[in-house]
Amino acid sequence: AERGWPGGAGSGAAPFDPDAEPDPAHLELFAAAFARWKDAA
């Protein structure tokens, strides 16, 4: 999340590209987070 803010850590990464292949590591990270959040307050 921090990388998404202007000036945030790692914010110098390339801008969002809708045609780019998803990063498998990010997909795994998000899948785990969404599974946790399903029952979270």
PDB file of all heavy atoms in Angstrom:
ATOM      1  N   ALA A   1       0.828  -1.201   0.000  1.00  0.00           N
ATOM      2  CA  ALA A   1       0.000   0.000   0.000  1.00  0.00           C
ATOM      3  C   ALA A   1       0.867   1.258   0.000  1.00  0.00           C
ATOM      4  O   ALA A   1       0.565   2.227  -0.712  1.00  0.00           O
ATOM      5  CB  ALA A   1      -0.925  -0.001   1.219  1.00  0.00           C
ATOM      6  N   GLU A   2       1.926   1.246   0.753  1.00  0.00           N
ATOM      7  CA  GLU A   2       2.787   2.433   0.862  1.00  0.00           C
ATOM      8  C   GLU A   2       3.388   2.817  -0.481  1.00  0.00           C
ATOM      9  O   GLU A   2       3.563   4.002  -0.783  1.00  0.00           O
ATOM     10  CB  GLU A   2       3.902   2.160   1.878  1.00  0.00           C
ATOM     11  CG  GLU A   2       4.800   3.342   2.164  1.00  0.00           C
ATOM     12  CD  GLU A   2       4.085   4.521   2.805  1.00  0.00           C
ATOM     13  OE1 GLU A   2       3.021   4.320   3.428  1.00  0.00           O
ATOM     14  OE2 GLU A   2       4.593   5.656   2.670  1.00  0.00           O
ATOM     15  N   ARG A   3       3.677   1.833  -1.318  1.00  0.00           N
ATOM     16  CA  ARG A   3       4.271   2.124  -2.628  1.00  0.00           C
ATOM     17  C   ARG A   3       3.310   2.881  -3.537  1.00  0.00           C
ATOM     18  O   ARG A   3       3.741   3.471  -4.534  1.00  0.00           O
ATOM     19  CB  ARG A   3       4.712   0.820  -3.305  1.00  0.00           C
ATOM     20  CG  ARG A   3       5.987   0.235  -2.716  1.00  0.00           C
ATOM     21  CD  ARG A   3       6.567  -0.836  -3.620  1.00  0.00           C
ATOM     22  NE  ARG A   3       5.734  -2.039  -3.657  1.00  0.00           N
ATOM     23  CZ  ARG A   3       5.855  -3.047  -2.797  1.00  0.00           C
ATOM     24  NH1 ARG A   3       6.740  -3.003  -1.832  1.00  0.00           N
ATOM     25  NH2 ARG A   3       5.070  -4.108  -2.906  1.00  0.00           N
ATOM     26  N   GLY A   4       2.026   2.859  -3.193  1.00  0.00           N
ATOM     27  CA  GLY A   4       1.054   3.533  -4.045  1.00  0.00           C
ATOM     28  C   GLY A   4       0.954   5.030  -3.837  1.00  0.00           C
ATOM     29  O   GLY A   4       0.310   5.719  -4.640  1.00  0.00           O
ATOM     30  N   TRP A   5       1.584   5.559  -2.776  1.00  0.00           N
ATOM     31  CA  TRP A   5       1.492   6.993  -2.507  1.00  0.00           C
ATOM     32  C   TRP A   5       2.637   7.758  -3.161  1.00  0.00           C
ATOM     33  O   TRP A   5       3.764   7.267  -3.174  1.00  0.00           O
ATOM     34  CB  TRP A   5       1.538   7.266  -0.999  1.00  0.00           C
ATOM     35  CG  TRP A   5       0.390   6.706  -0.247  1.00  0.00           C
ATOM     36  CD1 TRP A   5       0.418   5.707   0.664  1.00  0.00           C
ATOM     37  CD2 TRP A   5      -0.982   7.133  -0.338  1.00  0.00           C
ATOM     38  NE1 TRP A   5      -0.850   5.464   1.153  1.00  0.00           N
ATOM     39  CE2 TRP A   5      -1.715   6.322   0.554  1.00  0.00           C
ATOM     40  CE3 TRP A   5      -1.640   8.104  -1.081  1.00  0.00           C
ATOM     41  CZ2 TRP A   5      -3.094   6.460   0.721  1.00  0.00           C
ATOM     42  CZ3 TRP A   5      -3.006   8.230  -0.923  1.00  0.00           C
ATOM     43  CH2 TRP A   5      -3.718   7.434  -0.038  1.00  0.00           C
ATOM     44  N   PRO A   6       2.379   8.954  -3.678  1.00  0.00           N
ATOM     45  CA  PRO A   6       3.475   9.788  -4.178  1.00  0.00           C
ATOM     46  C   PRO A   6       4.483  10.033  -3.056  1.00  0.00           C
ATOM     47  O   PRO A   6       4.120  10.453  -1.962  1.00  0.00           O
ATOM     48  CB  PRO A   6       2.784  11.098  -4.581  1.00  0.00           C
ATOM     49  CG  PRO A   6       1.359  10.722  -4.810  1.00  0.00           C
ATOM     50  CD  PRO A   6       1.061   9.614  -3.833  1.00  0.00           C
ATOM     51  N   GLY A   7       5.736   9.696  -3.320  1.00  0.00           N
ATOM     52  CA  GLY A   7       6.757   9.882  -2.301  1.00  0.00           C
ATOM     53  C   GLY A   7       6.838   8.758  -1.295  1.00  0.00           C
ATOM     54  O   GLY A   7       7.693   8.773  -0.407  1.00  0.00           O
ATOM     55  N   GLY A   8       5.952   7.761  -1.426  1.00  0.00           N
ATOM     56  CA  GLY A   8       5.990   6.627  -0.511  1.00  0.00           C
ATOM     57  C   GLY A   8       7.164   5.722  -0.817  1.00  0.00           C
ATOM     58  O   GLY A   8       7.796   5.818  -1.882  1.00  0.00           O
ATOM     59  N   ALA A   9       7.483   4.841   0.110  1.00  0.00           N
ATOM     60  CA  ALA A   9       8.600   3.921  -0.091  1.00  0.00           C
ATOM     61  C   ALA A   9       8.357   3.073  -1.328  1.00  0.00           C
ATOM     62  O   ALA A   9       7.317   2.420  -1.455  1.00  0.00           O
ATOM     63  CB  ALA A   9       8.760   3.029   1.135  1.00  0.00           C
ATOM     64  N   GLY A  10       9.303   3.112  -2.267  1.00  0.00           N
ATOM     65  CA  GLY A  10       9.152   2.332  -3.489  1.00  0.00           C
ATOM     66  C   GLY A  10       8.214   2.963  -4.495  1.00  0.00           C
ATOM     67  O   GLY A  10       7.814   2.331  -5.461  1.00  0.00           O
ATOM     68  N   SER A  11       7.858   4.239  -4.297  1.00  0.00           N
ATOM     69  CA  SER A  11       6.883   4.868  -5.193  1.00  0.00           C
ATOM     70  C   SER A  11       7.467   5.203  -6.559  1.00  0.00           C
ATOM     71  O   SER A  11       6.750   5.634  -7.438  1.00  0.00           O
ATOM     72  CB  SER A  11       6.336   6.154  -4.563  1.00  0.00           C
ATOM     73  OG  SER A  11       7.379   7.087  -4.331  1.00  0.00           O
ATOM     74  N   GLY A  12       8.767   4.986  -6.742  1.00  0.00           N
ATOM     75  CA  GLY A  12       9.374   5.240  -8.047  1.00  0.00           C
ATOM     76  C   GLY A  12       9.131   4.130  -9.038  1.00  0.00           C
ATOM     77  O   GLY A  12       9.640   4.167 -10.158  1.00  0.00           O
ATOM     78  N   ALA A  13       8.367   3.114  -8.636  1.00  0.00           N
ATOM     79  CA  ALA A  13       8.075   2.009  -9.541  1.00  0.00           C
ATOM     80  C   ALA A  13       7.290   2.502 -10.748  1.00  0.00           C
ATOM     81  O   ALA A  13       6.696   3.575 -10.729  1.00  0.00           O
ATOM     82  CB  ALA A  13       7.277   0.925  -8.804  1.00  0.00           C
ATOM     83  N   ALA A  14       7.301   1.684 -11.801  1.00  0.00           N
ATOM     84  CA  ALA A  14       6.589   2.062 -13.030  1.00  0.00           C
ATOM     85  C   ALA A  14       5.106   2.229 -12.731  1.00  0.00           C
ATOM     86  O   ALA A  14       4.550   1.541 -11.881  1.00  0.00           O
ATOM     87  CB  ALA A  14       6.793   0.989 -14.090  1.00  0.00           C
ATOM     88  N   PRO A  15       4.426   3.160 -13.439  1.00  0.00           N
ATOM     89  CA  PRO A  15       2.992   3.367 -13.204  1.00  0.00           C
ATOM     90  C   PRO A  15       2.184   2.144 -13.603  1.00  0.00           C
ATOM     91  O   PRO A  15       2.647   1.273 -14.335  1.00  0.00           O
ATOM     92  CB  PRO A  15       2.669   4.574 -14.093  1.00  0.00           C
ATOM     93  CG  PRO A  15       3.738   4.602 -15.122  1.00  0.00           C
ATOM     94  CD  PRO A  15       4.964   4.064 -14.461  1.00  0.00           C
ATOM     95  N   PHE A  16       0.955   2.090 -13.120  1.00  0.00           N
ATOM     96  CA  PHE A  16       0.064   0.959 -13.404  1.00  0.00           C
ATOM     97  C   PHE A  16      -0.107   0.767 -14.900  1.00  0.00           C
ATOM     98  O   PHE A  16      -0.349   1.706 -15.646  1.00  0.00           O
ATOM     99  CB  PHE A  16      -1.292   1.222 -12.750  1.00  0.00           C
ATOM    100  CG  PHE A  16      -2.320   0.183 -13.079  1.00  0.00           C
ATOM    101  CD1 PHE A  16      -2.324  -1.019 -12.406  1.00  0.00           C
ATOM    102  CD2 PHE A  16      -3.265   0.407 -14.061  1.00  0.00           C
ATOM    103  CE1 PHE A  16      -3.277  -1.982 -12.696  1.00  0.00           C
ATOM    104  CE2 PHE A  16      -4.212  -0.553 -14.355  1.00  0.00           C
ATOM    105  CZ  PHE A  16      -4.215  -1.755 -13.676  1.00  0.00           C
ATOM    106  N   ASP A  17       0.043  -0.482 -15.337  1.00  0.00           N
ATOM    107  CA  ASP A  17      -0.140  -0.836 -16.738  1.00  0.00           C
ATOM    108  C   ASP A  17      -1.221  -1.904 -16.823  1.00  0.00           C
ATOM    109  O   ASP A  17      -1.003  -3.056 -16.430  1.00  0.00           O
ATOM    110  CB  ASP A  17       1.170  -1.358 -17.330  1.00  0.00           C
ATOM    111  CG  ASP A  17       1.026  -1.740 -18.806  1.00  0.00           C
ATOM    112  OD1 ASP A  17      -0.088  -1.598 -19.357  1.00  0.00           O
ATOM    113  OD2 ASP A  17       2.016  -2.195 -19.396  1.00  0.00           O
ATOM    114  N   PRO A  18      -2.421  -1.547 -17.312  1.00  0.00           N
ATOM    115  CA  PRO A  18      -3.525  -2.522 -17.337  1.00  0.00           C
ATOM    116  C   PRO A  18      -3.251  -3.715 -18.223  1.00  0.00           C
ATOM    117  O   PRO A  18      -3.903  -4.744 -18.096  1.00  0.00           O
ATOM    118  CB  PRO A  18      -4.713  -1.694 -17.849  1.00  0.00           C
ATOM    119  CG  PRO A  18      -4.104  -0.544 -18.572  1.00  0.00           C
ATOM    120  CD  PRO A  18      -2.816  -0.244 -17.864  1.00  0.00           C
ATOM    121  N   ASP A  19      -2.285  -3.614 -19.157  1.00  0.00           N
ATOM    122  CA  ASP A  19      -1.972  -4.714 -20.062  1.00  0.00           C
ATOM    123  C   ASP A  19      -0.850  -5.607 -19.549  1.00  0.00           C
ATOM    124  O   ASP A  19      -0.542  -6.630 -20.151  1.00  0.00           O
ATOM    125  CB  ASP A  19      -1.592  -4.168 -21.441  1.00  0.00           C
ATOM    126  CG  ASP A  19      -2.737  -3.379 -22.076  1.00  0.00           C
ATOM    127  OD1 ASP A  19      -3.890  -3.837 -21.957  1.00  0.00           O
ATOM    128  OD2 ASP A  19      -2.477  -2.337 -22.674  1.00  0.00           O
ATOM    129  N   ALA A  20      -0.223  -5.216 -18.437  1.00  0.00           N
ATOM    130  CA  ALA A  20       0.896  -5.986 -17.901  1.00  0.00           C
ATOM    131  C   ALA A  20       0.401  -7.273 -17.241  1.00  0.00           C
ATOM    132  O   ALA A  20      -0.712  -7.336 -16.727  1.00  0.00           O
ATOM    133  CB  ALA A  20       1.674  -5.144 -16.896  1.00  0.00           C
ATOM    134  N   GLU A  21       1.247  -8.294 -17.267  1.00  0.00           N
ATOM    135  CA  GLU A  21       0.919  -9.546 -16.596  1.00  0.00           C
ATOM    136  C   GLU A  21       0.948  -9.334 -15.086  1.00  0.00           C
ATOM    137  O   GLU A  21       1.854  -8.688 -14.562  1.00  0.00           O
ATOM    138  CB  GLU A  21       1.940 -10.622 -16.978  1.00  0.00           C
ATOM    139  CG  GLU A  21       1.793 -11.144 -18.401  1.00  0.00           C
ATOM    140  CD  GLU A  21       0.477 -11.886 -18.613  1.00  0.00           C
ATOM    141  OE1 GLU A  21       0.047 -12.600 -17.694  1.00  0.00           O
ATOM    142  OE2 GLU A  21      -0.114 -11.728 -19.686  1.00  0.00           O
ATOM    143  N   PRO A  22      -0.037  -9.865 -14.351  1.00  0.00           N
ATOM    144  CA  PRO A  22      -0.030  -9.720 -12.892  1.00  0.00           C
ATOM    145  C   PRO A  22       1.198 -10.373 -12.279  1.00  0.00           C
ATOM    146  O   PRO A  22       1.682 -11.400 -12.760  1.00  0.00           O
ATOM    147  CB  PRO A  22      -1.319 -10.449 -12.462  1.00  0.00           C
ATOM    148  CG  PRO A  22      -2.154 -10.549 -13.701  1.00  0.00           C
ATOM    149  CD  PRO A  22      -1.203 -10.600 -14.841  1.00  0.00           C
ATOM    150  N   ASP A  23       1.710  -9.774 -11.230  1.00  0.00           N
ATOM    151  CA  ASP A  23       2.844 -10.317 -10.495  1.00  0.00           C
ATOM    152  C   ASP A  23       2.336 -11.480  -9.634  1.00  0.00           C
ATOM    153  O   ASP A  23       1.491 -11.271  -8.754  1.00  0.00           O
ATOM    154  CB  ASP A  23       3.446  -9.224  -9.614  1.00  0.00           C
ATOM    155  CG  ASP A  23       4.693  -9.689  -8.874  1.00  0.00           C
ATOM    156  OD1 ASP A  23       4.848 -10.912  -8.679  1.00  0.00           O
ATOM    157  OD2 ASP A  23       5.496  -8.834  -8.476  1.00  0.00           O
ATOM    158  N   PRO A  24       2.826 -12.704  -9.854  1.00  0.00           N
ATOM    159  CA  PRO A  24       2.333 -13.853  -9.073  1.00  0.00           C
ATOM    160  C   PRO A  24       2.513 -13.666  -7.567  1.00  0.00           C
ATOM    161  O   PRO A  24       1.650 -14.094  -6.780  1.00  0.00           O
ATOM    162  CB  PRO A  24       3.189 -15.015  -9.590  1.00  0.00           C
ATOM    163  CG  PRO A  24       3.616 -14.598 -10.959  1.00  0.00           C
ATOM    164  CD  PRO A  24       3.786 -13.109 -10.885  1.00  0.00           C
ATOM    165  N   ALA A  25       3.607 -13.021  -7.159  1.00  0.00           N
ATOM    166  CA  ALA A  25       3.829 -12.801  -5.725  1.00  0.00           C
ATOM    167  C   ALA A  25       2.757 -11.887  -5.147  1.00  0.00           C
ATOM    168  O   ALA A  25       2.264 -12.115  -4.030  1.00  0.00           O
ATOM    169  CB  ALA A  25       5.224 -12.203  -5.495  1.00  0.00           C
ATOM    170  N   HIS A  26       2.360 -10.846  -5.919  1.00  0.00           N
ATOM    171  CA  HIS A  26       1.311  -9.952  -5.457  1.00  0.00           C
ATOM    172  C   HIS A  26      -0.035 -10.664  -5.406  1.00  0.00           C
ATOM    173  O   HIS A  26      -0.823 -10.462  -4.467  1.00  0.00           O
ATOM    174  CB  HIS A  26       1.227  -8.730  -6.372  1.00  0.00           C
ATOM    175  CG  HIS A  26       2.263  -7.694  -6.073  1.00  0.00           C
ATOM    176  ND1 HIS A  26       2.424  -6.551  -6.837  1.00  0.00           N
ATOM    177  CD2 HIS A  26       3.204  -7.616  -5.091  1.00  0.00           C
ATOM    178  CE1 HIS A  26       3.412  -5.826  -6.337  1.00  0.00           C
ATOM    179  NE2 HIS A  26       3.892  -6.459  -5.290  1.00  0.00           N
ATOM    180  N   LEU A  27      -0.294 -11.496  -6.401  1.00  0.00           N
ATOM    181  CA  LEU A  27      -1.554 -12.231  -6.416  1.00  0.00           C
ATOM    182  C   LEU A  27      -1.656 -13.141  -5.188  1.00  0.00           C
ATOM    183  O   LEU A  27      -2.712 -13.243  -4.557  1.00  0.00           O
ATOM    184  CB  LEU A  27      -1.663 -13.060  -7.694  1.00  0.00           C
ATOM    185  CG  LEU A  27      -1.825 -12.282  -9.006  1.00  0.00           C
ATOM    186  CD1 LEU A  27      -1.897 -13.240 -10.183  1.00  0.00           C
ATOM    187  CD2 LEU A  27      -3.070 -11.408  -8.965  1.00  0.00           C
ATOM    188  N   GLU A  28      -0.555 -13.786  -4.835  1.00  0.00           N
ATOM    189  CA  GLU A  28      -0.541 -14.654  -3.661  1.00  0.00           C
ATOM    190  C   GLU A  28      -0.741 -13.839  -2.387  1.00  0.00           C
ATOM    191  O   GLU A  28      -1.491 -14.240  -1.480  1.00  0.00           O
ATOM    192  CB  GLU A  28       0.778 -15.420  -3.605  1.00  0.00           C
ATOM    193  CG  GLU A  28       0.866 -16.421  -2.471  1.00  0.00           C
ATOM    194  CD  GLU A  28       2.160 -17.213  -2.494  1.00  0.00           C
ATOM    195  OE1 GLU A  28       2.830 -17.241  -3.555  1.00  0.00           O
ATOM    196  OE2 GLU A  28       2.506 -17.805  -1.452  1.00  0.00           O
ATOM    197  N   LEU A  29      -0.079 -12.679  -2.321  1.00  0.00           N
ATOM    198  CA  LEU A  29      -0.206 -11.805  -1.156  1.00  0.00           C
ATOM    199  C   LEU A  29      -1.649 -11.333  -0.990  1.00  0.00           C
ATOM    200  O   LEU A  29      -2.210 -11.363   0.114  1.00  0.00           O
ATOM    201  CB  LEU A  29       0.727 -10.598  -1.313  1.00  0.00           C
ATOM    202  CG  LEU A  29       0.702  -9.542  -0.212  1.00  0.00           C
ATOM    203  CD1 LEU A  29       1.220 -10.117   1.103  1.00  0.00           C
ATOM    204  CD2 LEU A  29       1.543  -8.332  -0.628  1.00  0.00           C
ATOM    205  N   PHE A  30      -2.268 -10.902  -2.088  1.00  0.00           N
ATOM    206  CA  PHE A  30      -3.640 -10.398  -2.023  1.00  0.00           C
ATOM    207  C   PHE A  30      -4.628 -11.527  -1.701  1.00  0.00           C
ATOM    208  O   PHE A  30      -5.585 -11.320  -0.948  1.00  0.00           O
ATOM    209  CB  PHE A  30      -4.031  -9.737  -3.343  1.00  0.00           C
ATOM    210  CG  PHE A  30      -3.223  -8.505  -3.666  1.00  0.00           C
ATOM    211  CD1 PHE A  30      -2.997  -8.133  -4.976  1.00  0.00           C
ATOM    212  CD2 PHE A  30      -2.665  -7.736  -2.658  1.00  0.00           C
ATOM    213  CE1 PHE A  30      -2.255  -7.009  -5.278  1.00  0.00           C
ATOM    214  CE2 PHE A  30      -1.915  -6.611  -2.949  1.00  0.00           C
ATOM    215  CZ  PHE A  30      -1.714  -6.246  -4.262  1.00  0.00           C
ATOM    216  N   ALA A  31      -4.396 -12.704  -2.269  1.00  0.00           N
ATOM    217  CA  ALA A  31      -5.293 -13.831  -1.992  1.00  0.00           C
ATOM    218  C   ALA A  31      -5.276 -14.166  -0.503  1.00  0.00           C
ATOM    219  O   ALA A  31      -6.329 -14.421   0.104  1.00  0.00           O
ATOM    220  CB  ALA A  31      -4.881 -15.048  -2.821  1.00  0.00           C
ATOM    221  N   ALA A  32      -4.080 -14.154   0.101  1.00  0.00           N
ATOM    222  CA  ALA A  32      -3.970 -14.444   1.532  1.00  0.00           C
ATOM    223  C   ALA A  32      -4.658 -13.357   2.355  1.00  0.00           C
ATOM    224  O   ALA A  32      -5.352 -13.645   3.343  1.00  0.00           O
ATOM    225  CB  ALA A  32      -2.503 -14.574   1.928  1.00  0.00           C
ATOM    226  N   ALA A  33      -4.469 -12.094   1.942  1.00  0.00           N
ATOM    227  CA  ALA A  33      -5.085 -10.979   2.675  1.00  0.00           C
ATOM    228  C   ALA A  33      -6.605 -11.048   2.581  1.00  0.00           C
ATOM    229  O   ALA A  33      -7.305 -10.900   3.586  1.00  0.00           O
ATOM    230  CB  ALA A  33      -4.576  -9.653   2.130  1.00  0.00           C
ATOM    231  N   PHE A  34      -7.126 -11.286   1.391  1.00  0.00           N
ATOM    232  CA  PHE A  34      -8.582 -11.336   1.218  1.00  0.00           C
ATOM    233  C   PHE A  34      -9.192 -12.497   2.013  1.00  0.00           C
ATOM    234  O   PHE A  34     -10.306 -12.367   2.543  1.00  0.00           O
ATOM    235  CB  PHE A  34      -8.947 -11.458  -0.257  1.00  0.00           C
ATOM    236  CG  PHE A  34      -8.637 -10.229  -1.062  1.00  0.00           C
ATOM    237  CD1 PHE A  34      -8.633 -10.269  -2.446  1.00  0.00           C
ATOM    238  CD2 PHE A  34      -8.335  -9.022  -0.445  1.00  0.00           C
ATOM    239  CE1 PHE A  34      -8.345  -9.134  -3.197  1.00  0.00           C
ATOM    240  CE2 PHE A  34      -8.043  -7.880  -1.181  1.00  0.00           C
ATOM    241  CZ  PHE A  34      -8.048  -7.940  -2.557  1.00  0.00           C
ATOM    242  N   ALA A  35      -8.454 -13.612   2.108  1.00  0.00           N
ATOM    243  CA  ALA A  35      -8.947 -14.739   2.894  1.00  0.00           C
ATOM    244  C   ALA A  35      -9.014 -14.363   4.371  1.00  0.00           C
ATOM    245  O   ALA A  35      -9.987 -14.709   5.060  1.00  0.00           O
ATOM    246  CB  ALA A  35      -8.038 -15.953   2.698  1.00  0.00           C
ATOM    247  N   ARG A  36      -8.002 -13.650   4.870  1.00  0.00           N
ATOM    248  CA  ARG A  36      -8.016 -13.198   6.261  1.00  0.00           C
ATOM    249  C   ARG A  36      -9.147 -12.220   6.516  1.00  0.00           C
ATOM    250  O   ARG A  36      -9.817 -12.250   7.541  1.00  0.00           O
ATOM    251  CB  ARG A  36      -6.694 -12.487   6.626  1.00  0.00           C
ATOM    252  CG  ARG A  36      -5.504 -13.349   6.803  1.00  0.00           C
ATOM    253  CD  ARG A  36      -4.389 -12.582   7.526  1.00  0.00           C
ATOM    254  NE  ARG A  36      -4.094 -11.273   6.963  1.00  0.00           N
ATOM    255  CZ  ARG A  36      -3.274 -11.049   5.951  1.00  0.00           C
ATOM    256  NH1 ARG A  36      -2.667 -12.074   5.347  1.00  0.00           N
ATOM    257  NH2 ARG A  36      -3.045  -9.816   5.517  1.00  0.00           N
ATOM    258  N   TRP A  37      -9.337 -11.312   5.553  1.00  0.00           N
ATOM    259  CA  TRP A  37     -10.291 -10.216   5.740  1.00  0.00           C
ATOM    260  C   TRP A  37     -11.744 -10.663   5.657  1.00  0.00           C
ATOM    261  O   TRP A  37     -12.638  -9.936   6.092  1.00  0.00           O
ATOM    262  CB  TRP A  37     -10.028  -9.132   4.697  1.00  0.00           C
ATOM    263  CG  TRP A  37      -8.711  -8.438   4.883  1.00  0.00           C
ATOM    264  CD1 TRP A  37      -7.941  -8.426   6.011  1.00  0.00           C
ATOM    265  CD2 TRP A  37      -8.004  -7.661   3.919  1.00  0.00           C
ATOM    266  NE1 TRP A  37      -6.798  -7.691   5.814  1.00  0.00           N
ATOM    267  CE2 TRP A  37      -6.811  -7.212   4.532  1.00  0.00           C
ATOM    268  CE3 TRP A  37      -8.244  -7.303   2.598  1.00  0.00           C
ATOM    269  CZ2 TRP A  37      -5.880  -6.419   3.863  1.00  0.00           C
ATOM    270  CZ3 TRP A  37      -7.328  -6.515   1.932  1.00  0.00           C
ATOM    271  CH2 TRP A  37      -6.153  -6.073   2.555  1.00  0.00           C
ATOM    272  N   LYS A  38     -11.981 -11.856   5.092  1.00  0.00           N
ATOM    273  CA  LYS A  38     -13.361 -12.308   4.936  1.00  0.00           C
ATOM    274  C   LYS A  38     -14.089 -12.340   6.278  1.00  0.00           C
ATOM    275  O   LYS A  38     -15.260 -11.980   6.372  1.00  0.00           O
ATOM    276  CB  LYS A  38     -13.388 -13.694   4.285  1.00  0.00           C
ATOM    277  CG  LYS A  38     -14.789 -14.211   4.040  1.00  0.00           C
ATOM    278  CD  LYS A  38     -14.777 -15.619   3.465  1.00  0.00           C
ATOM    279  CE  LYS A  38     -14.196 -15.653   2.077  1.00  0.00           C
ATOM    280  NZ  LYS A  38     -14.331 -17.023   1.464  1.00  0.00           N
ATOM    281  N   ASP A  39     -13.396 -12.780   7.331  1.00  0.00           N
ATOM    282  CA  ASP A  39     -14.015 -12.892   8.654  1.00  0.00           C
ATOM    283  C   ASP A  39     -13.507 -11.841   9.638  1.00  0.00           C
ATOM    284  O   ASP A  39     -13.829 -11.915  10.834  1.00  0.00           O
ATOM    285  CB  ASP A  39     -13.758 -14.287   9.230  1.00  0.00           C
ATOM    286  CG  ASP A  39     -14.361 -15.386   8.357  1.00  0.00           C
ATOM    287  OD1 ASP A  39     -15.500 -15.194   7.885  1.00  0.00           O
ATOM    288  OD2 ASP A  39     -13.695 -16.403   8.144  1.00  0.00           O
ATOM    289  N   ALA A  40     -12.724 -10.878   9.146  1.00  0.00           N
ATOM    290  CA  ALA A  40     -12.169  -9.856  10.034  1.00  0.00           C
ATOM    291  C   ALA A  40     -13.210  -8.781  10.329  1.00  0.00           C
ATOM    292  O   ALA A  40     -14.142  -8.560   9.553  1.00  0.00           O
ATOM    293  CB  ALA A  40     -10.933  -9.218   9.398  1.00  0.00           C
ATOM    294  N   ALA A  41     -13.030  -8.126  11.452  1.00  0.00           N
ATOM    295  CA  ALA A  41     -13.937  -7.029  11.814  1.00  0.00           C
ATOM    296  C   ALA A  41     -13.772  -5.883  10.820  1.00  0.00           C
ATOM    297  O   ALA A  41     -12.668  -5.631  10.313  1.00  0.00           O
ATOM    298  CB  ALA A  41     -13.624  -6.546  13.230  1.00  0.00           C
TER     299      ALA A  41
END
